[in-house]
Amino acid sequence: MRQQLYSYLAHEAQHFSDYEDFPCLLSSDLEYRAKLVELIYHLLNNRVLMKKFLSDSDSNKENPHPYSSFVICRNLSKAIFNQNYENNLEKWKKTDSHLLSKYAKELFQKHTDLL
């Protein structure tokens, strides 16, 4: 339960920071960045987060929460598995949490640089 609370707080804190730094950011970008922060800082929870992101994932840009999950899964799939989109949960479960965190941090930095 504590991990979920930490994850939630990190997610919401990133929203707060982004509202200040990038006031015109789209909802899908806000969600993308907040979910990446969850992956960066919650190593014990990364596999659970990836399961959630995979199950929530939707490529429809009109839905910010599911779309940000889709983009994270797609971008991490390219970085880790060299595939466009890996939806096999067993492969994600075998992925080292530190590796997920590392690539999430790189994706977050690339997104920040684009802003």
C-alpha atoms as a PDB file:
ATOM      1  CA  MET A   1       0.000   0.000   0.000  1.00  0.00           C
ATOM      2  CA  ARG A   2       2.854   2.395   0.785  1.00  0.00           C
ATOM      3  CA  GLN A   3       4.375   1.903  -2.648  1.00  0.00           C
ATOM      4  CA  GLN A   4       1.064   2.901  -4.244  1.00  0.00           C
ATOM      5  CA  LEU A   5       0.947   6.030  -2.116  1.00  0.00           C
ATOM      6  CA  TYR A   6       4.540   6.961  -3.026  1.00  0.00           C
ATOM      7  CA  SER A   7       3.788   6.325  -6.671  1.00  0.00           C
ATOM      8  CA  TYR A   8       0.672   8.491  -6.508  1.00  0.00           C
ATOM      9  CA  LEU A   9       2.515  11.304  -4.725  1.00  0.00           C
ATOM     10  CA  ALA A  10       5.380  11.268  -7.228  1.00  0.00           C
ATOM     11  CA  HIS A  11       2.874  11.318 -10.088  1.00  0.00           C
ATOM     12  CA  GLU A  12       0.937  14.260  -8.662  1.00  0.00           C
ATOM     13  CA  ALA A  13       4.100  16.154  -7.684  1.00  0.00           C
ATOM     14  CA  GLN A  14       5.280  15.939 -11.281  1.00  0.00           C
ATOM     15  CA  HIS A  15       1.969  17.418 -12.424  1.00  0.00           C
ATOM     16  CA  PHE A  16       2.461  20.297 -10.002  1.00  0.00           C
ATOM     17  CA  SER A  17       5.995  20.902 -11.265  1.00  0.00           C
ATOM     18  CA  ASP A  18       4.940  20.724 -14.911  1.00  0.00           C
ATOM     19  CA  TYR A  19       2.023  23.126 -14.373  1.00  0.00           C
ATOM     20  CA  GLU A  20       4.560  25.645 -13.093  1.00  0.00           C
ATOM     21  CA  ASP A  21       7.287  25.019 -15.680  1.00  0.00           C
ATOM     22  CA  PHE A  22       5.133  24.289 -18.754  1.00  0.00           C
ATOM     23  CA  PRO A  23       1.682  25.846 -18.221  1.00  0.00           C
ATOM     24  CA  CYS A  24       0.437  25.035 -21.726  1.00  0.00           C
ATOM     25  CA  LEU A  25       1.397  21.358 -21.743  1.00  0.00           C
ATOM     26  CA  LEU A  26      -1.192  19.000 -23.218  1.00  0.00           C
ATOM     27  CA  SER A  27      -2.905  16.505 -20.911  1.00  0.00           C
ATOM     28  CA  SER A  28      -1.308  13.564 -22.698  1.00  0.00           C
ATOM     29  CA  ASP A  29       2.156  15.079 -22.146  1.00  0.00           C
ATOM     30  CA  LEU A  30       1.401  15.767 -18.485  1.00  0.00           C
ATOM     31  CA  GLU A  31       0.355  12.151 -17.984  1.00  0.00           C
ATOM     32  CA  TYR A  32       3.321  10.802 -19.944  1.00  0.00           C
ATOM     33  CA  ARG A  33       5.789  12.698 -17.796  1.00  0.00           C
ATOM     34  CA  ALA A  34       4.078  11.841 -14.501  1.00  0.00           C
ATOM     35  CA  LYS A  35       3.981   8.126 -15.345  1.00  0.00           C
ATOM     36  CA  LEU A  36       7.650   8.174 -16.322  1.00  0.00           C
ATOM     37  CA  VAL A  37       8.459   9.709 -12.932  1.00  0.00           C
ATOM     38  CA  GLU A  38       6.643   6.814 -11.282  1.00  0.00           C
ATOM     39  CA  LEU A  39       8.907   4.390 -13.171  1.00  0.00           C
ATOM     40  CA  ILE A  40      12.050   6.372 -12.411  1.00  0.00           C
ATOM     41  CA  TYR A  41      11.655   6.490  -8.644  1.00  0.00           C
ATOM     42  CA  HIS A  42       9.747   3.382  -7.644  1.00  0.00           C
ATOM     43  CA  LEU A  43      12.020   0.482  -8.430  1.00  0.00           C
ATOM     44  CA  LEU A  44      10.147  -1.971  -6.225  1.00  0.00           C
ATOM     45  CA  ASN A  45       6.919  -1.211  -8.027  1.00  0.00           C
ATOM     46  CA  ASN A  46       8.079  -1.034 -11.673  1.00  0.00           C
ATOM     47  CA  ARG A  47       6.778  -4.434 -12.741  1.00  0.00           C
ATOM     48  CA  VAL A  48       3.378  -3.646 -11.241  1.00  0.00           C
ATOM     49  CA  LEU A  49       3.383  -0.281 -12.995  1.00  0.00           C
ATOM     50  CA  MET A  50       4.273  -1.867 -16.335  1.00  0.00           C
ATOM     51  CA  LYS A  51       1.418  -4.356 -15.936  1.00  0.00           C
ATOM     52  CA  LYS A  52      -0.932  -1.441 -15.261  1.00  0.00           C
ATOM     53  CA  PHE A  53       0.414   0.594 -18.179  1.00  0.00           C
ATOM     54  CA  LEU A  54       0.077  -2.362 -20.559  1.00  0.00           C
ATOM     55  CA  SER A  55      -3.491  -3.075 -19.500  1.00  0.00           C
ATOM     56  CA  ASP A  56      -4.474   0.626 -19.651  1.00  0.00           C
ATOM     57  CA  SER A  57      -2.711   1.273 -22.954  1.00  0.00           C
ATOM     58  CA  ASP A  58      -4.698   2.729 -25.856  1.00  0.00           C
ATOM     59  CA  SER A  59      -3.349   4.381 -29.006  1.00  0.00           C
ATOM     60  CA  ASN A  60      -6.276   6.836 -29.180  1.00  0.00           C
ATOM     61  CA  LYS A  61      -4.785  10.298 -28.608  1.00  0.00           C
ATOM     62  CA  GLU A  62      -8.143  11.606 -27.384  1.00  0.00           C
ATOM     63  CA  ASN A  63      -7.720   9.717 -24.080  1.00  0.00           C
ATOM     64  CA  PRO A  64      -4.693  11.204 -22.255  1.00  0.00           C
ATOM     65  CA  HIS A  65      -4.275   8.583 -19.523  1.00  0.00           C
ATOM     66  CA  PRO A  66      -4.428   5.455 -21.724  1.00  0.00           C
ATOM     67  CA  TYR A  67      -2.560   7.181 -24.539  1.00  0.00           C
ATOM     68  CA  SER A  68       0.339   8.126 -22.251  1.00  0.00           C
ATOM     69  CA  SER A  69       0.505   4.485 -21.113  1.00  0.00           C
ATOM     70  CA  PHE A  70       0.619   3.423 -24.751  1.00  0.00           C
ATOM     71  CA  VAL A  71       3.452   5.844 -25.561  1.00  0.00           C
ATOM     72  CA  ILE A  72       5.468   4.723 -22.537  1.00  0.00           C
ATOM     73  CA  CYS A  73       5.056   1.041 -23.455  1.00  0.00           C
ATOM     74  CA  ARG A  74       5.921   1.782 -27.077  1.00  0.00           C
ATOM     75  CA  ASN A  75       9.001   3.861 -26.259  1.00  0.00           C
ATOM     76  CA  LEU A  76      10.290   1.444 -23.631  1.00  0.00           C
ATOM     77  CA  SER A  77       9.663  -1.476 -26.007  1.00  0.00           C
ATOM     78  CA  LYS A  78      11.896   0.176 -28.583  1.00  0.00           C
ATOM     79  CA  ALA A  79      14.620   0.904 -26.035  1.00  0.00           C
ATOM     80  CA  ILE A  80      14.597  -2.428 -24.198  1.00  0.00           C
ATOM     81  CA  PHE A  81      13.364  -5.031 -26.701  1.00  0.00           C
ATOM     82  CA  ASN A  82      14.147  -3.296 -30.005  1.00  0.00           C
ATOM     83  CA  GLN A  83      10.486  -3.765 -30.996  1.00  0.00           C
ATOM     84  CA  ASN A  84       7.716  -1.328 -31.832  1.00  0.00           C
ATOM     85  CA  TYR A  85       5.470  -2.556 -29.018  1.00  0.00           C
ATOM     86  CA  GLU A  86       6.004  -5.454 -26.647  1.00  0.00           C
ATOM     87  CA  ASN A  87       2.752  -6.543 -25.002  1.00  0.00           C
ATOM     88  CA  ASN A  88       4.012  -9.808 -23.472  1.00  0.00           C
ATOM     89  CA  LEU A  89       3.783  -9.199 -19.738  1.00  0.00           C
ATOM     90  CA  GLU A  90       6.166 -12.086 -19.003  1.00  0.00           C
ATOM     91  CA  LYS A  91       8.961 -10.317 -20.881  1.00  0.00           C
ATOM     92  CA  TRP A  92       8.323  -7.152 -18.890  1.00  0.00           C
ATOM     93  CA  LYS A  93       8.351  -9.108 -15.623  1.00  0.00           C
ATOM     94  CA  LYS A  94      11.827 -10.416 -16.488  1.00  0.00           C
ATOM     95  CA  THR A  95      13.136  -6.919 -17.155  1.00  0.00           C
ATOM     96  CA  ASP A  96      15.335  -5.525 -14.403  1.00  0.00           C
ATOM     97  CA  SER A  97      13.654  -2.674 -12.533  1.00  0.00           C
ATOM     98  CA  HIS A  98      16.838  -0.601 -12.672  1.00  0.00           C
ATOM     99  CA  LEU A  99      16.829  -0.910 -16.468  1.00  0.00           C
ATOM    100  CA  LEU A 100      13.201   0.255 -16.633  1.00  0.00           C
ATOM    101  CA  SER A 101      14.071   3.160 -14.383  1.00  0.00           C
ATOM    102  CA  LYS A 102      17.127   4.064 -16.462  1.00  0.00           C
ATOM    103  CA  TYR A 103      15.213   4.149 -19.739  1.00  0.00           C
ATOM    104  CA  ALA A 104      12.281   5.979 -18.164  1.00  0.00           C
ATOM    105  CA  LYS A 105      14.727   8.646 -17.000  1.00  0.00           C
ATOM    106  CA  GLU A 106      16.188   8.933 -20.506  1.00  0.00           C
ATOM    107  CA  LEU A 107      12.701   9.271 -22.021  1.00  0.00           C
ATOM    108  CA  PHE A 108      11.790  11.902 -19.456  1.00  0.00           C
ATOM    109  CA  GLN A 109      14.957  13.886 -20.229  1.00  0.00           C
ATOM    110  CA  LYS A 110      14.368  13.673 -23.996  1.00  0.00           C
ATOM    111  CA  HIS A 111      10.820  14.942 -23.512  1.00  0.00           C
ATOM    112  CA  THR A 112      12.032  17.783 -21.286  1.00  0.00           C
ATOM    113  CA  ASP A 113      14.653  18.745 -23.873  1.00  0.00           C
ATOM    114  CA  LEU A 114      11.944  18.935 -26.546  1.00  0.00           C
ATOM    115  CA  LEU A 115       9.926  21.326 -24.405  1.00  0.00           C
END
